[in-house]
C-alpha atoms as a PDB file:
ATOM      1  CA  MET A   1       0.000   0.000   0.000  1.00  0.00           C
ATOM      2  CA  MET A   2       1.441   3.381  -1.040  1.00  0.00           C
ATOM      3  CA  PRO A   3       1.297   6.362   1.334  1.00  0.00           C
ATOM      4  CA  GLN A   4      -1.090   9.087   0.273  1.00  0.00           C
ATOM      5  CA  LYS A   5       0.295  12.285  -1.172  1.00  0.00           C
ATOM      6  CA  PRO A   6      -0.438  15.251   1.133  1.00  0.00           C
ATOM      7  CA  SER A   7      -3.172  17.566  -0.059  1.00  0.00           C
ATOM      8  CA  HIS A   8      -2.427  21.122  -1.176  1.00  0.00           C
ATOM      9  CA  LYS A   9      -4.016  22.491   2.023  1.00  0.00           C
ATOM     10  CA  THR A  10      -1.846  20.245   4.203  1.00  0.00           C
ATOM     11  CA  TYR A  11       1.273  21.345   2.330  1.00  0.00           C
ATOM     12  CA  LYS A  12       0.356  25.041   2.738  1.00  0.00           C
ATOM     13  CA  LEU A  13      -0.346  24.582   6.462  1.00  0.00           C
ATOM     14  CA  LYS A  14       2.946  22.765   7.059  1.00  0.00           C
ATOM     15  CA  ARG A  15       4.828  25.444   5.137  1.00  0.00           C
ATOM     16  CA  PHE A  16       3.115  28.226   7.107  1.00  0.00           C
ATOM     17  CA  LEU A  17       3.925  26.553  10.435  1.00  0.00           C
ATOM     18  CA  THR A  18       7.545  25.958   9.452  1.00  0.00           C
ATOM     19  CA  ILE A  19       8.055  29.568   8.391  1.00  0.00           C
ATOM     20  CA  THR A  20       6.321  30.845  11.531  1.00  0.00           C
ATOM     21  CA  LEU A  21       8.434  28.685  13.832  1.00  0.00           C
ATOM     22  CA  LEU A  22      11.633  29.713  12.078  1.00  0.00           C
ATOM     23  CA  ALA A  23      10.683  33.371  12.408  1.00  0.00           C
ATOM     24  CA  LEU A  24       9.869  33.026  16.110  1.00  0.00           C
ATOM     25  CA  SER A  25      12.816  30.850  17.139  1.00  0.00           C
ATOM     26  CA  PRO A  26      15.323  33.716  17.655  1.00  0.00           C
ATOM     27  CA  MET A  27      12.874  35.425  20.040  1.00  0.00           C
ATOM     28  CA  VAL A  28      12.487  32.297  22.149  1.00  0.00           C
ATOM     29  CA  GLY A  29      16.251  32.177  22.589  1.00  0.00           C
ATOM     30  CA  GLY A  30      16.306  35.771  23.804  1.00  0.00           C
ATOM     31  CA  ILE A  31      18.080  37.207  20.772  1.00  0.00           C
ATOM     32  CA  ALA A  32      15.216  38.858  18.941  1.00  0.00           C
ATOM     33  CA  CYS A  33      17.497  40.986  16.812  1.00  0.00           C
ATOM     34  CA  THR A  34      21.060  41.984  16.262  1.00  0.00           C
ATOM     35  CA  PRO A  35      21.810  45.537  17.384  1.00  0.00           C
ATOM     36  CA  THR A  36      21.794  48.115  14.624  1.00  0.00           C
ATOM     37  CA  PHE A  37      24.789  50.397  14.666  1.00  0.00           C
ATOM     38  CA  THR A  38      24.228  54.043  13.694  1.00  0.00           C
ATOM     39  CA  GLY A  39      26.976  56.276  12.413  1.00  0.00           C
ATOM     40  CA  PRO A  40      29.514  57.383  11.724  1.00  0.00           C
ATOM     41  CA  THR A  41      29.153  60.268  14.150  1.00  0.00           C
ATOM     42  CA  ALA A  42      30.808  63.633  13.591  1.00  0.00           C
ATOM     43  CA  PRO A  43      33.449  64.640  14.346  1.00  0.00           C
ATOM     44  CA  SER A  44      34.833  61.355  15.772  1.00  0.00           C
ATOM     45  CA  GLY A  45      33.451  58.742  13.360  1.00  0.00           C
ATOM     46  CA  TYR A  46      31.973  56.479  16.060  1.00  0.00           C
ATOM     47  CA  ARG A  47      29.242  53.912  15.447  1.00  0.00           C
ATOM     48  CA  PHE A  48      26.769  53.038  18.216  1.00  0.00           C
ATOM     49  CA  SER A  49      23.783  50.854  18.999  1.00  0.00           C
ATOM     50  CA  LEU A  50      20.878  51.292  21.421  1.00  0.00           C
ATOM     51  CA  GLN A  51      18.986  48.375  22.963  1.00  0.00           C
ATOM     52  CA  ASP A  52      16.392  48.101  25.733  1.00  0.00           C
ATOM     53  CA  TYR A  53      15.706  45.084  27.921  1.00  0.00           C
ATOM     54  CA  PRO A  54      13.181  43.928  28.898  1.00  0.00           C
ATOM     55  CA  SER A  55      10.258  45.183  26.885  1.00  0.00           C
ATOM     56  CA  PRO A  56       7.460  45.392  27.729  1.00  0.00           C
ATOM     57  CA  ILE A  57       7.618  46.543  31.304  1.00  0.00           C
ATOM     58  CA  TRP A  58       4.798  46.661  33.844  1.00  0.00           C
ATOM     59  CA  LEU A  59       3.399  49.295  36.182  1.00  0.00           C
ATOM     60  CA  PRO A  60       4.810  48.623  39.656  1.00  0.00           C
ATOM     61  CA  SER A  61       1.842  50.098  41.537  1.00  0.00           C
ATOM     62  CA  HIS A  62      -0.468  47.373  40.172  1.00  0.00           C
ATOM     63  CA  LEU A  63       1.679  44.378  41.026  1.00  0.00           C
ATOM     64  CA  SER A  64       1.510  42.085  43.989  1.00  0.00           C
ATOM     65  CA  SER A  65       4.828  41.242  45.617  1.00  0.00           C
ATOM     66  CA  ALA A  66       4.148  37.562  44.932  1.00  0.00           C
ATOM     67  CA  ASP A  67       5.742  37.516  41.479  1.00  0.00           C
ATOM     68  CA  PRO A  68       8.155  40.439  40.998  1.00  0.00           C
ATOM     69  CA  GLN A  69      10.377  38.474  38.560  1.00  0.00           C
ATOM     70  CA  GLY A  70       7.500  37.762  36.179  1.00  0.00           C
ATOM     71  CA  PHE A  71       6.631  41.443  35.898  1.00  0.00           C
ATOM     72  CA  PRO A  72       9.698  43.628  35.217  1.00  0.00           C
ATOM     73  CA  THR A  73       8.989  47.219  36.198  1.00  0.00           C
ATOM     74  CA  GLU A  74      12.002  48.862  34.600  1.00  0.00           C
ATOM     75  CA  SER A  75      13.955  48.611  31.382  1.00  0.00           C
ATOM     76  CA  THR A  76      17.703  49.043  31.009  1.00  0.00           C
ATOM     77  CA  LEU A  77      18.818  51.000  27.967  1.00  0.00           C
ATOM     78  CA  THR A  78      22.287  50.072  26.763  1.00  0.00           C
ATOM     79  CA  VAL A  79      24.370  52.008  24.263  1.00  0.00           C
ATOM     80  CA  LYS A  80      27.491  50.421  22.820  1.00  0.00           C
ATOM     81  CA  VAL A  81      29.991  52.768  21.141  1.00  0.00           C
ATOM     82  CA  ARG A  82      32.649  51.512  18.713  1.00  0.00           C
ATOM     83  CA  ASN A  83      35.400  53.236  16.745  1.00  0.00           C
ATOM     84  CA  ALA A  84      35.955  52.788  13.006  1.00  0.00           C
ATOM     85  CA  GLN A  85      37.890  49.566  13.705  1.00  0.00           C
ATOM     86  CA  GLY A  86      35.000  48.139  15.771  1.00  0.00           C
ATOM     87  CA  GLN A  87      36.738  48.541  19.135  1.00  0.00           C
ATOM     88  CA  PRO A  88      34.846  49.794  22.238  1.00  0.00           C
ATOM     89  CA  VAL A  89      35.459  53.481  23.001  1.00  0.00           C
ATOM     90  CA  ASP A  90      35.734  54.917  26.531  1.00  0.00           C
ATOM     91  CA  GLY A  91      34.957  58.487  27.586  1.00  0.00           C
ATOM     92  CA  VAL A  92      32.193  59.195  25.063  1.00  0.00           C
ATOM     93  CA  PRO A  93      29.195  61.194  26.377  1.00  0.00           C
ATOM     94  CA  VAL A  94      25.808  59.574  25.715  1.00  0.00           C
ATOM     95  CA  ILE A  95      22.612  61.583  26.266  1.00  0.00           C
ATOM     96  CA  PHE A  96      19.373  59.666  26.915  1.00  0.00           C
ATOM     97  CA  SER A  97      16.067  61.512  26.581  1.00  0.00           C
ATOM     98  CA  LEU A  98      12.284  61.174  26.710  1.00  0.00           C
ATOM     99  CA  PRO A  99       9.661  63.156  24.830  1.00  0.00           C
ATOM    100  CA  SER A 100       8.659  66.188  26.911  1.00  0.00           C
ATOM    101  CA  ASP A 101       5.057  64.974  27.244  1.00  0.00           C
ATOM    102  CA  TRP A 102       6.355  61.878  29.111  1.00  0.00           C
ATOM    103  CA  ASN A 103       8.434  63.760  31.705  1.00  0.00           C
ATOM    104  CA  ALA A 104       5.582  63.645  34.267  1.00  0.00           C
ATOM    105  CA  TYR A 105       4.994  59.905  33.735  1.00  0.00           C
ATOM    106  CA  ALA A 106       8.445  58.385  33.319  1.00  0.00           C
ATOM    107  CA  SER A 107      12.032  58.646  34.462  1.00  0.00           C
ATOM    108  CA  LEU A 108      15.310  57.931  32.747  1.00  0.00           C
ATOM    109  CA  VAL A 109      18.302  57.802  35.100  1.00  0.00           C
ATOM    110  CA  PRO A 110      20.952  58.959  34.466  1.00  0.00           C
ATOM    111  CA  GLN A 111      20.276  61.121  31.447  1.00  0.00           C
ATOM    112  CA  ARG A 112      23.951  61.706  30.647  1.00  0.00           C
ATOM    113  CA  VAL A 113      26.480  58.871  30.848  1.00  0.00           C
ATOM    114  CA  ILE A 114      30.140  58.572  29.869  1.00  0.00           C
ATOM    115  CA  THR A 115      31.027  55.231  28.245  1.00  0.00           C
ATOM    116  CA  GLN A 116      33.179  52.717  30.095  1.00  0.00           C
ATOM    117  CA  ASN A 117      34.390  49.680  28.139  1.00  0.00           C
ATOM    118  CA  GLY A 118      32.406  51.133  25.247  1.00  0.00           C
ATOM    119  CA  LYS A 119      29.097  50.929  27.119  1.00  0.00           C
ATOM    120  CA  ALA A 120      26.662  53.413  28.685  1.00  0.00           C
ATOM    121  CA  GLU A 121      23.455  52.439  30.515  1.00  0.00           C
ATOM    122  CA  ALA A 122      20.358  54.190  31.851  1.00  0.00           C
ATOM    123  CA  VAL A 123      17.251  52.830  33.595  1.00  0.00           C
ATOM    124  CA  PHE A 124      13.714  53.645  32.434  1.00  0.00           C
ATOM    125  CA  GLN A 125      10.624  53.469  34.692  1.00  0.00           C
ATOM    126  CA  ALA A 126       7.056  54.682  34.144  1.00  0.00           C
ATOM    127  CA  THR A 127       3.892  55.432  36.087  1.00  0.00           C
ATOM    128  CA  THR A 128       1.378  55.070  33.243  1.00  0.00           C
ATOM    129  CA  THR A 129       0.690  52.633  30.418  1.00  0.00           C
ATOM    130  CA  GLY A 130       1.534  53.325  26.800  1.00  0.00           C
ATOM    131  CA  ALA A 131       4.448  53.306  24.411  1.00  0.00           C
ATOM    132  CA  VAL A 132       7.228  55.850  24.639  1.00  0.00           C
ATOM    133  CA  LYS A 133      10.018  56.652  22.213  1.00  0.00           C
ATOM    134  CA  VAL A 134      13.309  56.906  24.114  1.00  0.00           C
ATOM    135  CA  THR A 135      16.394  58.264  22.368  1.00  0.00           C
ATOM    136  CA  ALA A 136      20.145  58.094  22.830  1.00  0.00           C
ATOM    137  CA  GLN A 137      22.480  60.638  21.267  1.00  0.00           C
ATOM    138  CA  VAL A 138      26.187  60.236  20.562  1.00  0.00           C
ATOM    139  CA  GLU A 139      27.750  63.352  19.089  1.00  0.00           C
ATOM    140  CA  ASN A 140      25.516  64.341  16.121  1.00  0.00           C
ATOM    141  CA  GLN A 141      23.664  61.005  15.734  1.00  0.00           C
ATOM    142  CA  ILE A 142      20.452  59.825  17.454  1.00  0.00           C
ATOM    143  CA  GLN A 143      18.966  56.346  17.768  1.00  0.00           C
ATOM    144  CA  ALA A 144      15.545  55.495  19.269  1.00  0.00           C
ATOM    145  CA  VAL A 145      13.660  52.556  20.764  1.00  0.00           C
ATOM    146  CA  PHE A 146      10.014  52.223  21.775  1.00  0.00           C
ATOM    147  CA  ILE A 147       9.331  50.948  25.270  1.00  0.00           C
ATOM    148  CA  HIS A 148       5.877  49.510  25.955  1.00  0.00           C
ATOM    149  CA  ILE A 149       4.411  49.880  29.443  1.00  0.00           C
ATOM    150  CA  LYS A 150       1.528  47.624  30.467  1.00  0.00           C
ATOM    151  CA  SER A 151      -0.583  46.984  33.529  1.00  0.00           C
ATOM    152  CA  PRO A 152      -1.263  43.456  34.786  1.00  0.00           C
ATOM    153  CA  ALA A 153      -4.910  44.003  33.808  1.00  0.00           C
ATOM    154  CA  SER A 154      -3.734  43.715  30.190  1.00  0.00           C
ATOM    155  CA  GLY A 155      -2.486  40.194  30.887  1.00  0.00           C
ATOM    156  CA  PRO A 156       0.581  38.449  32.264  1.00  0.00           C
ATOM    157  CA  PRO A 157       3.945  38.590  30.503  1.00  0.00           C
ATOM    158  CA  GLY A 158       3.901  36.591  27.290  1.00  0.00           C
ATOM    159  CA  SER A 159       0.104  36.418  27.094  1.00  0.00           C
ATOM    160  CA  GLY A 160      -0.278  38.560  24.026  1.00  0.00           C
ATOM    161  CA  PRO A 161       0.389  41.942  22.434  1.00  0.00           C
END
């Protein structure tokens, strides 16, 4: 007895699932994307990347103390600065900023950092839900990320958009 040839619908479904799983697999491993380096900056010719982790974050005032690890309430912004040869650069000022309409609802500390080992970090926290565009500036170049802030009423981490 010969095995049956899969139908066109079965083939399309298997293909869709394979592509979907391949697309999602980097996110499961915690490496959703490779950092994008902006530059060169002027006058020094640096290249830099900006990343935030974790995202989304959750409003701390709505959380019980039972599961603080499952609900991160702050995001760390990390800038990595490299020279033209790709080496980390120390002593470079990095300026982090929020849109002015978010100043009453969020904090970014510190706002000015000098790189050490090619890295500068700031911590973001918020007191309201939404999405905020946070920027980092190195010399004349700016890079931005969006941080999403949720409340537990919108569902536990990983439960949806």
